[in-house]
Amino acid sequence: MEGIELRSDDLANGWVSIAVLGEIDLATVESLEGAINEVFDMAEKDLVVDLTGSSFMDSTGLKALVMAHRRFDTAGRGFALAVSGGPVSRLIDLSGLSSSIRTVESVEELGAVGS
């Protein structure tokens, strides 16, 4: 089991990025959910989950992202995923998440635009 490392950065125009390095699965999803909750608790911040450094994600990760998207959307806040190729990107495409959650190829795409 590889594990997970999370890095948070403030971007321009009110966006916060959580970069995920490693695997998102049953053993690590709580860490991701905790980081998402921390950003949600920041008033007025939008969130992009950067999955470009993630090597694997299972259904628990998909569920966490869907729930986070719903929570941010209900609050009128932006939520996006940064994905660019690889198994995580394939999973997001196959699951249909890319049609319901905003996806970008890199976090930098959101740093130049507002929510």
PDB file of N, CA and C in Angstrom:
ATOM      1  N   MET A   1       0.842  -1.167   0.000  1.00  0.00           N
ATOM      2  CA  MET A   1       0.000   0.000   0.000  1.00  0.00           C
ATOM      3  C   MET A   1       0.892   1.236   0.000  1.00  0.00           C
ATOM      4  N   GLU A   2       0.627   2.141  -0.923  1.00  0.00           N
ATOM      5  CA  GLU A   2       1.482   3.298  -1.115  1.00  0.00           C
ATOM      6  C   GLU A   2       1.217   4.420  -0.124  1.00  0.00           C
ATOM      7  N   GLY A   3      -0.016   4.720   0.198  1.00  0.00           N
ATOM      8  CA  GLY A   3      -0.335   5.829   1.082  1.00  0.00           C
ATOM      9  C   GLY A   3      -0.650   7.093   0.307  1.00  0.00           C
ATOM     10  N   ILE A   4      -0.757   8.187   1.046  1.00  0.00           N
ATOM     11  CA  ILE A   4      -1.174   9.446   0.454  1.00  0.00           C
ATOM     12  C   ILE A   4      -0.427  10.605   1.110  1.00  0.00           C
ATOM     13  N   GLU A   5      -0.153  11.624   0.310  1.00  0.00           N
ATOM     14  CA  GLU A   5       0.395  12.888   0.802  1.00  0.00           C
ATOM     15  C   GLU A   5      -0.468  13.986   0.212  1.00  0.00           C
ATOM     16  N   LEU A   6      -0.848  14.951   1.038  1.00  0.00           N
ATOM     17  CA  LEU A   6      -1.707  16.044   0.597  1.00  0.00           C
ATOM     18  C   LEU A   6      -0.973  17.363   0.793  1.00  0.00           C
ATOM     19  N   ARG A   7      -1.071  18.225  -0.223  1.00  0.00           N
ATOM     20  CA  ARG A   7      -0.473  19.561  -0.135  1.00  0.00           C
ATOM     21  C   ARG A   7      -1.539  20.582  -0.509  1.00  0.00           C
ATOM     22  N   SER A   8      -1.683  21.592   0.315  1.00  0.00           N
ATOM     23  CA  SER A   8      -2.685  22.626   0.084  1.00  0.00           C
ATOM     24  C   SER A   8      -2.003  23.939  -0.287  1.00  0.00           C
ATOM     25  N   ASP A   9      -2.544  24.625  -1.301  1.00  0.00           N
ATOM     26  CA  ASP A   9      -2.009  25.916  -1.735  1.00  0.00           C
ATOM     27  C   ASP A   9      -3.149  26.866  -2.055  1.00  0.00           C
ATOM     28  N   ASP A  10      -2.978  28.134  -1.682  1.00  0.00           N
ATOM     29  CA  ASP A  10      -3.920  29.173  -2.095  1.00  0.00           C
ATOM     30  C   ASP A  10      -3.568  29.603  -3.510  1.00  0.00           C
ATOM     31  N   LEU A  11      -4.586  29.652  -4.371  1.00  0.00           N
ATOM     32  CA  LEU A  11      -4.416  30.118  -5.739  1.00  0.00           C
ATOM     33  C   LEU A  11      -5.045  31.497  -5.875  1.00  0.00           C
ATOM     34  N   ALA A  12      -4.953  32.063  -7.051  1.00  0.00           N
ATOM     35  CA  ALA A  12      -5.560  33.371  -7.311  1.00  0.00           C
ATOM     36  C   ALA A  12      -7.079  33.266  -7.316  1.00  0.00           C
ATOM     37  N   ASN A  13      -7.726  34.376  -7.098  1.00  0.00           N
ATOM     38  CA  ASN A  13      -9.176  34.508  -7.231  1.00  0.00           C
ATOM     39  C   ASN A  13      -9.990  33.594  -6.324  1.00  0.00           C
ATOM     40  N   GLY A  14      -9.489  33.313  -5.128  1.00  0.00           N
ATOM     41  CA  GLY A  14     -10.279  32.585  -4.146  1.00  0.00           C
ATOM     42  C   GLY A  14     -10.250  31.072  -4.239  1.00  0.00           C
ATOM     43  N   TRP A  15      -9.449  30.515  -5.117  1.00  0.00           N
ATOM     44  CA  TRP A  15      -9.346  29.056  -5.236  1.00  0.00           C
ATOM     45  C   TRP A  15      -8.274  28.525  -4.300  1.00  0.00           C
ATOM     46  N   VAL A  16      -8.514  27.348  -3.741  1.00  0.00           N
ATOM     47  CA  VAL A  16      -7.525  26.609  -2.964  1.00  0.00           C
ATOM     48  C   VAL A  16      -7.320  25.277  -3.671  1.00  0.00           C
ATOM     49  N   SER A  17      -6.076  24.830  -3.738  1.00  0.00           N
ATOM     50  CA  SER A  17      -5.748  23.548  -4.359  1.00  0.00           C
ATOM     51  C   SER A  17      -5.331  22.553  -3.292  1.00  0.00           C
ATOM     52  N   ILE A  18      -5.859  21.334  -3.389  1.00  0.00           N
ATOM     53  CA  ILE A  18      -5.354  20.218  -2.599  1.00  0.00           C
ATOM     54  C   ILE A  18      -4.714  19.253  -3.594  1.00  0.00           C
ATOM     55  N   ALA A  19      -3.396  19.170  -3.559  1.00  0.00           N
ATOM     56  CA  ALA A  19      -2.675  18.244  -4.433  1.00  0.00           C
ATOM     57  C   ALA A  19      -2.582  16.891  -3.736  1.00  0.00           C
ATOM     58  N   VAL A  20      -2.987  15.849  -4.453  1.00  0.00           N
ATOM     59  CA  VAL A  20      -2.977  14.490  -3.911  1.00  0.00           C
ATOM     60  C   VAL A  20      -1.820  13.729  -4.543  1.00  0.00           C
ATOM     61  N   LEU A  21      -0.917  13.237  -3.710  1.00  0.00           N
ATOM     62  CA  LEU A  21       0.199  12.417  -4.176  1.00  0.00           C
ATOM     63  C   LEU A  21       0.032  11.030  -3.573  1.00  0.00           C
ATOM     64  N   GLY A  22      -0.039  10.022  -4.428  1.00  0.00           N
ATOM     65  CA  GLY A  22      -0.205   8.649  -3.942  1.00  0.00           C
ATOM     66  C   GLY A  22      -1.564   8.089  -4.283  1.00  0.00           C
ATOM     67  N   GLU A  23      -2.024   7.180  -3.445  1.00  0.00           N
ATOM     68  CA  GLU A  23      -3.238   6.415  -3.712  1.00  0.00           C
ATOM     69  C   GLU A  23      -4.399   6.850  -2.833  1.00  0.00           C
ATOM     70  N   ILE A  24      -5.579   6.951  -3.457  1.00  0.00           N
ATOM     71  CA  ILE A  24      -6.802   7.245  -2.710  1.00  0.00           C
ATOM     72  C   ILE A  24      -7.610   5.956  -2.655  1.00  0.00           C
ATOM     73  N   ASP A  25      -7.730   5.411  -1.448  1.00  0.00           N
ATOM     74  CA  ASP A  25      -8.480   4.174  -1.267  1.00  0.00           C
ATOM     75  C   ASP A  25      -9.074   4.170   0.143  1.00  0.00           C
ATOM     76  N   LEU A  26      -9.639   3.056   0.541  1.00  0.00           N
ATOM     77  CA  LEU A  26     -10.284   2.949   1.840  1.00  0.00           C
ATOM     78  C   LEU A  26      -9.353   3.352   2.986  1.00  0.00           C
ATOM     79  N   ALA A  27      -8.084   3.061   2.850  1.00  0.00           N
ATOM     80  CA  ALA A  27      -7.130   3.352   3.919  1.00  0.00           C
ATOM     81  C   ALA A  27      -6.731   4.824   3.989  1.00  0.00           C
ATOM     82  N   THR A  28      -6.923   5.583   2.907  1.00  0.00           N
ATOM     83  CA  THR A  28      -6.436   6.967   2.870  1.00  0.00           C
ATOM     84  C   THR A  28      -7.523   8.014   2.646  1.00  0.00           C
ATOM     85  N   VAL A  29      -8.733   7.582   2.325  1.00  0.00           N
ATOM     86  CA  VAL A  29      -9.781   8.531   1.946  1.00  0.00           C
ATOM     87  C   VAL A  29     -10.136   9.493   3.079  1.00  0.00           C
ATOM     88  N   GLU A  30     -10.025   9.057   4.324  1.00  0.00           N
ATOM     89  CA  GLU A  30     -10.327   9.954   5.450  1.00  0.00           C
ATOM     90  C   GLU A  30      -9.408  11.163   5.472  1.00  0.00           C
ATOM     91  N   SER A  31      -8.166  10.988   5.100  1.00  0.00           N
ATOM     92  CA  SER A  31      -7.226  12.116   5.041  1.00  0.00           C
ATOM     93  C   SER A  31      -7.677  13.125   3.994  1.00  0.00           C
ATOM     94  N   LEU A  32      -8.097  12.624   2.833  1.00  0.00           N
ATOM     95  CA  LEU A  32      -8.589  13.517   1.774  1.00  0.00           C
ATOM     96  C   LEU A  32      -9.855  14.235   2.224  1.00  0.00           C
ATOM     97  N   GLU A  33     -10.777  13.503   2.820  1.00  0.00           N
ATOM     98  CA  GLU A  33     -12.018  14.118   3.298  1.00  0.00           C
ATOM     99  C   GLU A  33     -11.736  15.196   4.346  1.00  0.00           C
ATOM    100  N   GLY A  34     -10.778  14.949   5.216  1.00  0.00           N
ATOM    101  CA  GLY A  34     -10.409  15.933   6.229  1.00  0.00           C
ATOM    102  C   GLY A  34      -9.856  17.203   5.604  1.00  0.00           C
ATOM    103  N   ALA A  35      -9.007  17.050   4.591  1.00  0.00           N
ATOM    104  CA  ALA A  35      -8.445  18.221   3.910  1.00  0.00           C
ATOM    105  C   ALA A  35      -9.537  19.003   3.180  1.00  0.00           C
ATOM    106  N   ILE A  36     -10.477  18.287   2.562  1.00  0.00           N
ATOM    107  CA  ILE A  36     -11.600  18.942   1.882  1.00  0.00           C
ATOM    108  C   ILE A  36     -12.448  19.701   2.894  1.00  0.00           C
ATOM    109  N   ASN A  37     -12.711  19.105   4.047  1.00  0.00           N
ATOM    110  CA  ASN A  37     -13.492  19.768   5.091  1.00  0.00           C
ATOM    111  C   ASN A  37     -12.816  21.044   5.578  1.00  0.00           C
ATOM    112  N   GLU A  38     -11.489  21.010   5.708  1.00  0.00           N
ATOM    113  CA  GLU A  38     -10.761  22.201   6.131  1.00  0.00           C
ATOM    114  C   GLU A  38     -10.959  23.353   5.150  1.00  0.00           C
ATOM    115  N   VAL A  39     -10.903  23.049   3.854  1.00  0.00           N
ATOM    116  CA  VAL A  39     -11.112  24.094   2.850  1.00  0.00           C
ATOM    117  C   VAL A  39     -12.560  24.565   2.895  1.00  0.00           C
ATOM    118  N   PHE A  40     -13.493  23.642   3.049  1.00  0.00           N
ATOM    119  CA  PHE A  40     -14.903  24.036   3.099  1.00  0.00           C
ATOM    120  C   PHE A  40     -15.153  24.993   4.264  1.00  0.00           C
ATOM    121  N   ASP A  41     -14.470  24.775   5.372  1.00  0.00           N
ATOM    122  CA  ASP A  41     -14.649  25.623   6.547  1.00  0.00           C
ATOM    123  C   ASP A  41     -14.076  27.029   6.355  1.00  0.00           C
ATOM    124  N   MET A  42     -13.265  27.222   5.306  1.00  0.00           N
ATOM    125  CA  MET A  42     -12.750  28.555   4.974  1.00  0.00           C
ATOM    126  C   MET A  42     -13.843  29.286   4.193  1.00  0.00           C
ATOM    127  N   ALA A  43     -14.373  30.335   4.750  1.00  0.00           N
ATOM    128  CA  ALA A  43     -15.458  31.069   4.091  1.00  0.00           C
ATOM    129  C   ALA A  43     -15.016  31.564   2.715  1.00  0.00           C
ATOM    130  N   GLU A  44     -15.897  31.393   1.751  1.00  0.00           N
ATOM    131  CA  GLU A  44     -15.739  31.945   0.398  1.00  0.00           C
ATOM    132  C   GLU A  44     -14.657  31.308  -0.458  1.00  0.00           C
ATOM    133  N   LYS A  45     -14.017  30.261  -0.031  1.00  0.00           N
ATOM    134  CA  LYS A  45     -12.972  29.637  -0.845  1.00  0.00           C
ATOM    135  C   LYS A  45     -13.562  28.554  -1.743  1.00  0.00           C
ATOM    136  N   ASP A  46     -13.088  28.502  -2.989  1.00  0.00           N
ATOM    137  CA  ASP A  46     -13.431  27.440  -3.931  1.00  0.00           C
ATOM    138  C   ASP A  46     -12.312  26.402  -3.881  1.00  0.00           C
ATOM    139  N   LEU A  47     -12.590  25.188  -4.337  1.00  0.00           N
ATOM    140  CA  LEU A  47     -11.613  24.102  -4.211  1.00  0.00           C
ATOM    141  C   LEU A  47     -11.378  23.384  -5.524  1.00  0.00           C
ATOM    142  N   VAL A  48     -10.107  23.147  -5.816  1.00  0.00           N
ATOM    143  CA  VAL A  48      -9.724  22.234  -6.885  1.00  0.00           C
ATOM    144  C   VAL A  48      -8.891  21.121  -6.250  1.00  0.00           C
ATOM    145  N   VAL A  49      -9.307  19.884  -6.504  1.00  0.00           N
ATOM    146  CA  VAL A  49      -8.561  18.720  -6.039  1.00  0.00           C
ATOM    147  C   VAL A  49      -7.651  18.304  -7.191  1.00  0.00           C
ATOM    148  N   ASP A  50      -6.364  18.438  -6.983  1.00  0.00           N
ATOM    149  CA  ASP A  50      -5.364  18.156  -8.017  1.00  0.00           C
ATOM    150  C   ASP A  50      -4.962  16.689  -7.944  1.00  0.00           C
ATOM    151  N   LEU A  51      -5.475  15.916  -8.877  1.00  0.00           N
ATOM    152  CA  LEU A  51      -5.218  14.478  -8.909  1.00  0.00           C
ATOM    153  C   LEU A  51      -4.115  14.097  -9.884  1.00  0.00           C
ATOM    154  N   THR A  52      -3.402  15.079 -10.433  1.00  0.00           N
ATOM    155  CA  THR A  52      -2.371  14.783 -11.430  1.00  0.00           C
ATOM    156  C   THR A  52      -1.215  13.977 -10.839  1.00  0.00           C
ATOM    157  N   GLY A  53      -1.037  14.005  -9.517  1.00  0.00           N
ATOM    158  CA  GLY A  53       0.020  13.235  -8.873  1.00  0.00           C
ATOM    159  C   GLY A  53      -0.482  11.978  -8.190  1.00  0.00           C
ATOM    160  N   SER A  54      -1.748  11.659  -8.402  1.00  0.00           N
ATOM    161  CA  SER A  54      -2.324  10.469  -7.781  1.00  0.00           C
ATOM    162  C   SER A  54      -2.170   9.275  -8.715  1.00  0.00           C
ATOM    163  N   SER A  55      -1.730   8.173  -8.169  1.00  0.00           N
ATOM    164  CA  SER A  55      -1.463   6.986  -8.986  1.00  0.00           C
ATOM    165  C   SER A  55      -2.610   5.981  -9.001  1.00  0.00           C
ATOM    166  N   PHE A  56      -3.580   6.125  -8.078  1.00  0.00           N
ATOM    167  CA  PHE A  56      -4.671   5.159  -7.990  1.00  0.00           C
ATOM    168  C   PHE A  56      -5.817   5.781  -7.201  1.00  0.00           C
ATOM    169  N   MET A  57      -7.043   5.439  -7.594  1.00  0.00           N
ATOM    170  CA  MET A  57      -8.218   5.835  -6.817  1.00  0.00           C
ATOM    171  C   MET A  57      -9.275   4.761  -6.978  1.00  0.00           C
ATOM    172  N   ASP A  58      -9.905   4.384  -5.853  1.00  0.00           N
ATOM    173  CA  ASP A  58     -10.986   3.401  -5.915  1.00  0.00           C
ATOM    174  C   ASP A  58     -12.327   4.102  -5.707  1.00  0.00           C
ATOM    175  N   SER A  59     -13.376   3.321  -5.525  1.00  0.00           N
ATOM    176  CA  SER A  59     -14.727   3.879  -5.417  1.00  0.00           C
ATOM    177  C   SER A  59     -14.908   4.758  -4.182  1.00  0.00           C
ATOM    178  N   THR A  60     -14.132   4.526  -3.125  1.00  0.00           N
ATOM    179  CA  THR A  60     -14.252   5.387  -1.954  1.00  0.00           C
ATOM    180  C   THR A  60     -13.773   6.804  -2.277  1.00  0.00           C
ATOM    181  N   GLY A  61     -12.771   6.915  -3.113  1.00  0.00           N
ATOM    182  CA  GLY A  61     -12.294   8.223  -3.555  1.00  0.00           C
ATOM    183  C   GLY A  61     -13.313   8.917  -4.432  1.00  0.00           C
ATOM    184  N   LEU A  62     -13.925   8.146  -5.351  1.00  0.00           N
ATOM    185  CA  LEU A  62     -14.978   8.720  -6.196  1.00  0.00           C
ATOM    186  C   LEU A  62     -16.119   9.262  -5.346  1.00  0.00           C
ATOM    187  N   LYS A  63     -16.538   8.483  -4.361  1.00  0.00           N
ATOM    188  CA  LYS A  63     -17.634   8.912  -3.493  1.00  0.00           C
ATOM    189  C   LYS A  63     -17.267  10.186  -2.748  1.00  0.00           C
ATOM    190  N   ALA A  64     -16.055  10.264  -2.229  1.00  0.00           N
ATOM    191  CA  ALA A  64     -15.617  11.453  -1.499  1.00  0.00           C
ATOM    192  C   ALA A  64     -15.655  12.691  -2.394  1.00  0.00           C
ATOM    193  N   LEU A  65     -15.255  12.537  -3.648  1.00  0.00           N
ATOM    194  CA  LEU A  65     -15.264  13.673  -4.573  1.00  0.00           C
ATOM    195  C   LEU A  65     -16.689  14.086  -4.938  1.00  0.00           C
ATOM    196  N   VAL A  66     -17.573  13.114  -5.146  1.00  0.00           N
ATOM    197  CA  VAL A  66     -18.972  13.428  -5.454  1.00  0.00           C
ATOM    198  C   VAL A  66     -19.616  14.163  -4.280  1.00  0.00           C
ATOM    199  N   MET A  67     -19.389  13.676  -3.070  1.00  0.00           N
ATOM    200  CA  MET A  67     -19.976  14.310  -1.889  1.00  0.00           C
ATOM    201  C   MET A  67     -19.418  15.721  -1.689  1.00  0.00           C
ATOM    202  N   ALA A  68     -18.135  15.887  -1.918  1.00  0.00           N
ATOM    203  CA  ALA A  68     -17.532  17.218  -1.780  1.00  0.00           C
ATOM    204  C   ALA A  68     -18.103  18.170  -2.825  1.00  0.00           C
ATOM    205  N   HIS A  69     -18.239  17.695  -4.057  1.00  0.00           N
ATOM    206  CA  HIS A  69     -18.814  18.531  -5.113  1.00  0.00           C
ATOM    207  C   HIS A  69     -20.216  18.984  -4.734  1.00  0.00           C
ATOM    208  N   ARG A  70     -21.031  18.074  -4.254  1.00  0.00           N
ATOM    209  CA  ARG A  70     -22.402  18.426  -3.845  1.00  0.00           C
ATOM    210  C   ARG A  70     -22.397  19.474  -2.736  1.00  0.00           C
ATOM    211  N   ARG A  71     -21.518  19.285  -1.773  1.00  0.00           N
ATOM    212  CA  ARG A  71     -21.445  20.213  -0.646  1.00  0.00           C
ATOM    213  C   ARG A  71     -21.039  21.614  -1.100  1.00  0.00           C
ATOM    214  N   PHE A  72     -19.997  21.703  -1.935  1.00  0.00           N
ATOM    215  CA  PHE A  72     -19.556  23.004  -2.429  1.00  0.00           C
ATOM    216  C   PHE A  72     -20.614  23.624  -3.343  1.00  0.00           C
ATOM    217  N   ASP A  73     -21.226  22.818  -4.192  1.00  0.00           N
ATOM    218  CA  ASP A  73     -22.250  23.318  -5.108  1.00  0.00           C
ATOM    219  C   ASP A  73     -23.454  23.871  -4.341  1.00  0.00           C
ATOM    220  N   THR A  74     -23.902  23.150  -3.333  1.00  0.00           N
ATOM    221  CA  THR A  74     -25.032  23.595  -2.516  1.00  0.00           C
ATOM    222  C   THR A  74     -24.720  24.929  -1.838  1.00  0.00           C
ATOM    223  N   ALA A  75     -23.467  25.136  -1.479  1.00  0.00           N
ATOM    224  CA  ALA A  75     -23.052  26.378  -0.833  1.00  0.00           C
ATOM    225  C   ALA A  75     -22.768  27.494  -1.846  1.00  0.00           C
ATOM    226  N   GLY A  76     -22.926  27.187  -3.144  1.00  0.00           N
ATOM    227  CA  GLY A  76     -22.677  28.198  -4.177  1.00  0.00           C
ATOM    228  C   GLY A  76     -21.202  28.474  -4.409  1.00  0.00           C
ATOM    229  N   ARG A  77     -20.372  27.481  -4.130  1.00  0.00           N
ATOM    230  CA  ARG A  77     -18.925  27.636  -4.272  1.00  0.00           C
ATOM    231  C   ARG A  77     -18.400  26.737  -5.371  1.00  0.00           C
ATOM    232  N   GLY A  78     -17.266  27.128  -5.954  1.00  0.00           N
ATOM    233  CA  GLY A  78     -16.663  26.368  -7.041  1.00  0.00           C
ATOM    234  C   GLY A  78     -15.970  25.113  -6.549  1.00  0.00           C
ATOM    235  N   PHE A  79     -16.023  24.083  -7.397  1.00  0.00           N
ATOM    236  CA  PHE A  79     -15.337  22.814  -7.113  1.00  0.00           C
ATOM    237  C   PHE A  79     -14.884  22.249  -8.445  1.00  0.00           C
ATOM    238  N   ALA A  80     -13.639  21.818  -8.513  1.00  0.00           N
ATOM    239  CA  ALA A  80     -13.101  21.280  -9.761  1.00  0.00           C
ATOM    240  C   ALA A  80     -12.086  20.186  -9.455  1.00  0.00           C
ATOM    241  N   LEU A  81     -11.801  19.397 -10.479  1.00  0.00           N
ATOM    242  CA  LEU A  81     -10.780  18.359 -10.409  1.00  0.00           C
ATOM    243  C   LEU A  81      -9.734  18.642 -11.473  1.00  0.00           C
ATOM    244  N   ALA A  82      -8.472  18.515 -11.117  1.00  0.00           N
ATOM    245  CA  ALA A  82      -7.387  18.605 -12.090  1.00  0.00           C
ATOM    246  C   ALA A  82      -6.901  17.184 -12.358  1.00  0.00           C
ATOM    247  N   VAL A  83      -7.060  16.744 -13.591  1.00  0.00           N
ATOM    248  CA  VAL A  83      -6.641  15.398 -13.993  1.00  0.00           C
ATOM    249  C   VAL A  83      -6.010  15.473 -15.378  1.00  0.00           C
ATOM    250  N   SER A  84      -4.994  14.654 -15.593  1.00  0.00           N
ATOM    251  CA  SER A  84      -4.356  14.666 -16.914  1.00  0.00           C
ATOM    252  C   SER A  84      -3.744  13.309 -17.224  1.00  0.00           C
ATOM    253  N   GLY A  85      -4.564  12.432 -17.741  1.00  0.00           N
ATOM    254  CA  GLY A  85      -4.084  11.123 -18.136  1.00  0.00           C
ATOM    255  C   GLY A  85      -3.899  10.169 -16.969  1.00  0.00           C
ATOM    256  N   GLY A  86      -3.591   8.930 -17.296  1.00  0.00           N
ATOM    257  CA  GLY A  86      -3.336   7.921 -16.276  1.00  0.00           C
ATOM    258  C   GLY A  86      -4.594   7.254 -15.768  1.00  0.00           C
ATOM    259  N   PRO A  87      -4.420   6.318 -14.833  1.00  0.00           N
ATOM    260  CA  PRO A  87      -5.550   5.518 -14.354  1.00  0.00           C
ATOM    261  C   PRO A  87      -6.621   6.325 -13.618  1.00  0.00           C
ATOM    262  N   VAL A  88      -6.237   7.361 -12.890  1.00  0.00           N
ATOM    263  CA  VAL A  88      -7.229   8.163 -12.174  1.00  0.00           C
ATOM    264  C   VAL A  88      -8.092   8.934 -13.163  1.00  0.00           C
ATOM    265  N   SER A  89      -7.470   9.496 -14.168  1.00  0.00           N
ATOM    266  CA  SER A  89      -8.215  10.211 -15.209  1.00  0.00           C
ATOM    267  C   SER A  89      -9.177   9.276 -15.931  1.00  0.00           C
ATOM    268  N   ARG A  90      -8.719   8.078 -16.234  1.00  0.00           N
ATOM    269  CA  ARG A  90      -9.573   7.072 -16.891  1.00  0.00           C
ATOM    270  C   ARG A  90     -10.769   6.718 -16.020  1.00  0.00           C
ATOM    271  N   LEU A  91     -10.544   6.542 -14.736  1.00  0.00           N
ATOM    272  CA  LEU A  91     -11.624   6.212 -13.812  1.00  0.00           C
ATOM    273  C   LEU A  91     -12.661   7.336 -13.763  1.00  0.00           C
ATOM    274  N   ILE A  92     -12.210   8.557 -13.705  1.00  0.00           N
ATOM    275  CA  ILE A  92     -13.126   9.702 -13.673  1.00  0.00           C
ATOM    276  C   ILE A  92     -13.944   9.771 -14.960  1.00  0.00           C
ATOM    277  N   ASP A  93     -13.308   9.541 -16.090  1.00  0.00           N
ATOM    278  CA  ASP A  93     -14.034   9.527 -17.371  1.00  0.00           C
ATOM    279  C   ASP A  93     -15.046   8.386 -17.429  1.00  0.00           C
ATOM    280  N   LEU A  94     -14.620   7.180 -17.056  1.00  0.00           N
ATOM    281  CA  LEU A  94     -15.506   6.017 -17.121  1.00  0.00           C
ATOM    282  C   LEU A  94     -16.684   6.125 -16.161  1.00  0.00           C
ATOM    283  N   SER A  95     -16.472   6.774 -15.026  1.00  0.00           N
ATOM    284  CA  SER A  95     -17.535   6.906 -14.029  1.00  0.00           C
ATOM    285  C   SER A  95     -18.558   7.972 -14.414  1.00  0.00           C
ATOM    286  N   GLY A  96     -18.208   8.833 -15.352  1.00  0.00           N
ATOM    287  CA  GLY A  96     -19.098   9.920 -15.751  1.00  0.00           C
ATOM    288  C   GLY A  96     -18.907  11.191 -14.945  1.00  0.00           C
ATOM    289  N   LEU A  97     -17.988  11.191 -13.991  1.00  0.00           N
ATOM    290  CA  LEU A  97     -17.767  12.386 -13.175  1.00  0.00           C
ATOM    291  C   LEU A  97     -17.327  13.581 -14.002  1.00  0.00           C
ATOM    292  N   SER A  98     -16.595  13.319 -15.072  1.00  0.00           N
ATOM    293  CA  SER A  98     -16.096  14.438 -15.878  1.00  0.00           C
ATOM    294  C   SER A  98     -17.223  15.202 -16.559  1.00  0.00           C
ATOM    295  N   SER A  99     -18.412  14.611 -16.646  1.00  0.00           N
ATOM    296  CA  SER A  99     -19.542  15.333 -17.244  1.00  0.00           C
ATOM    297  C   SER A  99     -20.338  16.114 -16.202  1.00  0.00           C
ATOM    298  N   SER A 100     -20.129  15.823 -14.916  1.00  0.00           N
ATOM    299  CA  SER A 100     -20.886  16.534 -13.883  1.00  0.00           C
ATOM    300  C   SER A 100     -20.025  17.420 -12.994  1.00  0.00           C
ATOM    301  N   ILE A 101     -18.734  17.150 -12.929  1.00  0.00           N
ATOM    302  CA  ILE A 101     -17.812  17.961 -12.135  1.00  0.00           C
ATOM    303  C   ILE A 101     -16.816  18.612 -13.089  1.00  0.00           C
ATOM    304  N   ARG A 102     -16.611  19.907 -12.903  1.00  0.00           N
ATOM    305  CA  ARG A 102     -15.655  20.627 -13.751  1.00  0.00           C
ATOM    306  C   ARG A 102     -14.282  19.979 -13.655  1.00  0.00           C
ATOM    307  N   THR A 103     -13.681  19.691 -14.806  1.00  0.00           N
ATOM    308  CA  THR A 103     -12.345  19.122 -14.830  1.00  0.00           C
ATOM    309  C   THR A 103     -11.436  20.001 -15.672  1.00  0.00           C
ATOM    310  N   VAL A 104     -10.209  20.111 -15.235  1.00  0.00           N
ATOM    311  CA  VAL A 104      -9.176  20.861 -15.942  1.00  0.00           C
ATOM    312  C   VAL A 104      -7.935  19.981 -16.001  1.00  0.00           C
ATOM    313  N   GLU A 105      -7.019  20.323 -16.910  1.00  0.00           N
ATOM    314  CA  GLU A 105      -5.803  19.519 -17.025  1.00  0.00           C
ATOM    315  C   GLU A 105      -4.743  19.913 -16.008  1.00  0.00           C
ATOM    316  N   SER A 106      -4.831  21.152 -15.504  1.00  0.00           N
ATOM    317  CA  SER A 106      -3.863  21.578 -14.491  1.00  0.00           C
ATOM    318  C   SER A 106      -4.482  22.645 -13.606  1.00  0.00           C
ATOM    319  N   VAL A 107      -3.963  22.764 -12.412  1.00  0.00           N
ATOM    320  CA  VAL A 107      -4.435  23.755 -11.456  1.00  0.00           C
ATOM    321  C   VAL A 107      -4.231  25.165 -11.996  1.00  0.00           C
ATOM    322  N   GLU A 108      -3.199  25.361 -12.793  1.00  0.00           N
ATOM    323  CA  GLU A 108      -2.911  26.678 -13.336  1.00  0.00           C
ATOM    324  C   GLU A 108      -4.073  27.237 -14.158  1.00  0.00           C
ATOM    325  N   GLU A 109      -4.868  26.384 -14.770  1.00  0.00           N
ATOM    326  CA  GLU A 109      -6.034  26.852 -15.527  1.00  0.00           C
ATOM    327  C   GLU A 109      -7.008  27.615 -14.633  1.00  0.00           C
ATOM    328  N   LEU A 110      -7.103  27.242 -13.379  1.00  0.00           N
ATOM    329  CA  LEU A 110      -8.024  27.912 -12.450  1.00  0.00           C
ATOM    330  C   LEU A 110      -7.400  29.135 -11.804  1.00  0.00           C
ATOM    331  N   GLY A 111      -6.089  29.188 -11.744  1.00  0.00           N
ATOM    332  CA  GLY A 111      -5.430  30.343 -11.157  1.00  0.00           C
ATOM    333  C   GLY A 111      -5.639  31.615 -11.942  1.00  0.00           C
ATOM    334  N   ALA A 112      -6.013  31.470 -13.213  1.00  0.00           N
ATOM    335  CA  ALA A 112      -6.188  32.641 -14.076  1.00  0.00           C
ATOM    336  C   ALA A 112      -7.639  33.092 -14.185  1.00  0.00           C
ATOM    337  N   VAL A 113      -8.560  32.316 -13.610  1.00  0.00           N
ATOM    338  CA  VAL A 113      -9.977  32.661 -13.744  1.00  0.00           C
ATOM    339  C   VAL A 113     -10.631  32.721 -12.380  1.00  0.00           C
ATOM    340  N   GLY A 114     -11.716  33.454 -12.289  1.00  0.00           N
ATOM    341  CA  GLY A 114     -12.492  33.497 -11.059  1.00  0.00           C
ATOM    342  C   GLY A 114     -13.540  32.428 -11.064  1.00  0.00           C
ATOM    343  N   SER A 115     -14.207  32.275  -9.944  1.00  0.00           N
ATOM    344  CA  SER A 115     -15.240  31.249  -9.838  1.00  0.00           C
ATOM    345  C   SER A 115     -16.561  31.738 -10.349  1.00  0.00           C
TER     346      SER A 115
END
